[in-house]
């Protein structure tokens, strides 16, 4: 059943791609890539290592700035 489920979505996605005018395909590709990257979780060790590198190189924000623009109490 999983194969049929995946195939159905892949077929629908393919149909949408084929229905998209050529001049919009680069934008569509960028959207799909950005979406995939946003939902794909990186391994915890990789995320930690990146955070550690950023902290050690000073790529940080003051805590007070992290809350700016958020409606929290």
C-alpha atoms as a PDB file:
ATOM      1  CA  UNK A   1       0.000   0.000   0.000  1.00  0.00           C
ATOM      2  CA  UNK A   2       2.875   2.405   0.676  1.00  0.00           C
ATOM      3  CA  UNK A   3       4.161   1.991  -2.873  1.00  0.00           C
ATOM      4  CA  UNK A   4       0.732   2.859  -4.299  1.00  0.00           C
ATOM      5  CA  UNK A   5       0.451   5.823  -1.923  1.00  0.00           C
ATOM      6  CA  UNK A   6       3.864   7.184  -2.947  1.00  0.00           C
ATOM      7  CA  UNK A   7       3.182   6.587  -6.620  1.00  0.00           C
ATOM      8  CA  UNK A   8      -0.092   8.480  -6.484  1.00  0.00           C
ATOM      9  CA  UNK A   9       1.619  11.561  -5.029  1.00  0.00           C
ATOM     10  CA  UNK A  10       4.544  11.282  -7.412  1.00  0.00           C
ATOM     11  CA  UNK A  11       2.143  11.055 -10.349  1.00  0.00           C
ATOM     12  CA  UNK A  12       0.209  14.079  -9.117  1.00  0.00           C
ATOM     13  CA  UNK A  13       3.404  16.042  -8.583  1.00  0.00           C
ATOM     14  CA  UNK A  14       4.613  15.083 -12.059  1.00  0.00           C
ATOM     15  CA  UNK A  15       1.302  16.223 -13.567  1.00  0.00           C
ATOM     16  CA  UNK A  16       1.642  19.591 -11.802  1.00  0.00           C
ATOM     17  CA  UNK A  17       5.200  19.976 -13.075  1.00  0.00           C
ATOM     18  CA  UNK A  18       4.098  19.198 -16.627  1.00  0.00           C
ATOM     19  CA  UNK A  19       1.268  21.729 -16.347  1.00  0.00           C
ATOM     20  CA  UNK A  20       3.656  24.474 -15.195  1.00  0.00           C
ATOM     21  CA  UNK A  21       4.852  26.849 -17.932  1.00  0.00           C
ATOM     22  CA  UNK A  22       8.569  26.481 -18.627  1.00  0.00           C
ATOM     23  CA  UNK A  23       9.482  29.971 -17.495  1.00  0.00           C
ATOM     24  CA  UNK A  24       8.218  29.128 -13.986  1.00  0.00           C
ATOM     25  CA  UNK A  25      10.096  25.844 -13.609  1.00  0.00           C
ATOM     26  CA  UNK A  26      13.225  27.392 -12.005  1.00  0.00           C
ATOM     27  CA  UNK A  27      11.041  28.968  -9.294  1.00  0.00           C
ATOM     28  CA  UNK A  28       9.148  25.716  -8.796  1.00  0.00           C
ATOM     29  CA  UNK A  29      12.400  23.820  -8.454  1.00  0.00           C
ATOM     30  CA  UNK A  30      13.626  26.307  -5.852  1.00  0.00           C
ATOM     31  CA  UNK A  31      10.372  25.919  -3.897  1.00  0.00           C
ATOM     32  CA  UNK A  32      10.576  22.119  -3.939  1.00  0.00           C
ATOM     33  CA  UNK A  33      14.225  22.137  -2.837  1.00  0.00           C
ATOM     34  CA  UNK A  34      13.550  24.613  -0.043  1.00  0.00           C
ATOM     35  CA  UNK A  35      10.586  22.566   1.138  1.00  0.00           C
ATOM     36  CA  UNK A  36      12.597  19.334   1.155  1.00  0.00           C
ATOM     37  CA  UNK A  37      15.422  20.973   3.076  1.00  0.00           C
ATOM     38  CA  UNK A  38      13.011  22.422   5.627  1.00  0.00           C
ATOM     39  CA  UNK A  39      11.330  19.105   6.393  1.00  0.00           C
ATOM     40  CA  UNK A  40      14.394  16.878   6.278  1.00  0.00           C
ATOM     41  CA  UNK A  41      15.842  16.594   9.745  1.00  0.00           C
ATOM     42  CA  UNK A  42      19.582  16.530   9.982  1.00  0.00           C
ATOM     43  CA  UNK A  43      21.148  14.065  12.408  1.00  0.00           C
ATOM     44  CA  UNK A  44      21.365  15.459  15.935  1.00  0.00           C
ATOM     45  CA  UNK A  45      25.159  15.194  15.977  1.00  0.00           C
ATOM     46  CA  UNK A  46      25.423  17.264  12.788  1.00  0.00           C
ATOM     47  CA  UNK A  47      23.081  19.931  14.170  1.00  0.00           C
ATOM     48  CA  UNK A  48      25.021  20.070  17.430  1.00  0.00           C
ATOM     49  CA  UNK A  49      28.354  20.359  15.616  1.00  0.00           C
ATOM     50  CA  UNK A  50      27.060  23.247  13.508  1.00  0.00           C
ATOM     51  CA  UNK A  51      25.714  25.017  16.581  1.00  0.00           C
ATOM     52  CA  UNK A  52      28.969  24.479  18.408  1.00  0.00           C
ATOM     53  CA  UNK A  53      30.985  25.883  15.482  1.00  0.00           C
ATOM     54  CA  UNK A  54      28.706  28.926  15.321  1.00  0.00           C
ATOM     55  CA  UNK A  55      28.995  29.515  19.068  1.00  0.00           C
ATOM     56  CA  UNK A  56      32.777  29.147  19.039  1.00  0.00           C
ATOM     57  CA  UNK A  57      33.165  31.534  16.101  1.00  0.00           C
ATOM     58  CA  UNK A  58      30.941  34.168  17.725  1.00  0.00           C
ATOM     59  CA  UNK A  59      27.999  33.705  15.381  1.00  0.00           C
ATOM     60  CA  UNK A  60      25.518  34.368  18.158  1.00  0.00           C
ATOM     61  CA  UNK A  61      22.759  36.820  19.035  1.00  0.00           C
ATOM     62  CA  UNK A  62      22.129  38.439  22.422  1.00  0.00           C
ATOM     63  CA  UNK A  63      19.271  36.700  24.216  1.00  0.00           C
ATOM     64  CA  UNK A  64      17.321  39.973  24.311  1.00  0.00           C
ATOM     65  CA  UNK A  65      17.304  40.068  20.482  1.00  0.00           C
ATOM     66  CA  UNK A  66      15.961  36.538  20.166  1.00  0.00           C
ATOM     67  CA  UNK A  67      12.639  37.587  21.724  1.00  0.00           C
ATOM     68  CA  UNK A  68      12.172  40.753  19.645  1.00  0.00           C
ATOM     69  CA  UNK A  69       9.066  40.676  17.501  1.00  0.00           C
ATOM     70  CA  UNK A  70       7.522  37.752  19.361  1.00  0.00           C
ATOM     71  CA  UNK A  71       4.237  38.220  21.171  1.00  0.00           C
ATOM     72  CA  UNK A  72       5.123  36.433  24.403  1.00  0.00           C
ATOM     73  CA  UNK A  73       4.637  37.269  28.043  1.00  0.00           C
END
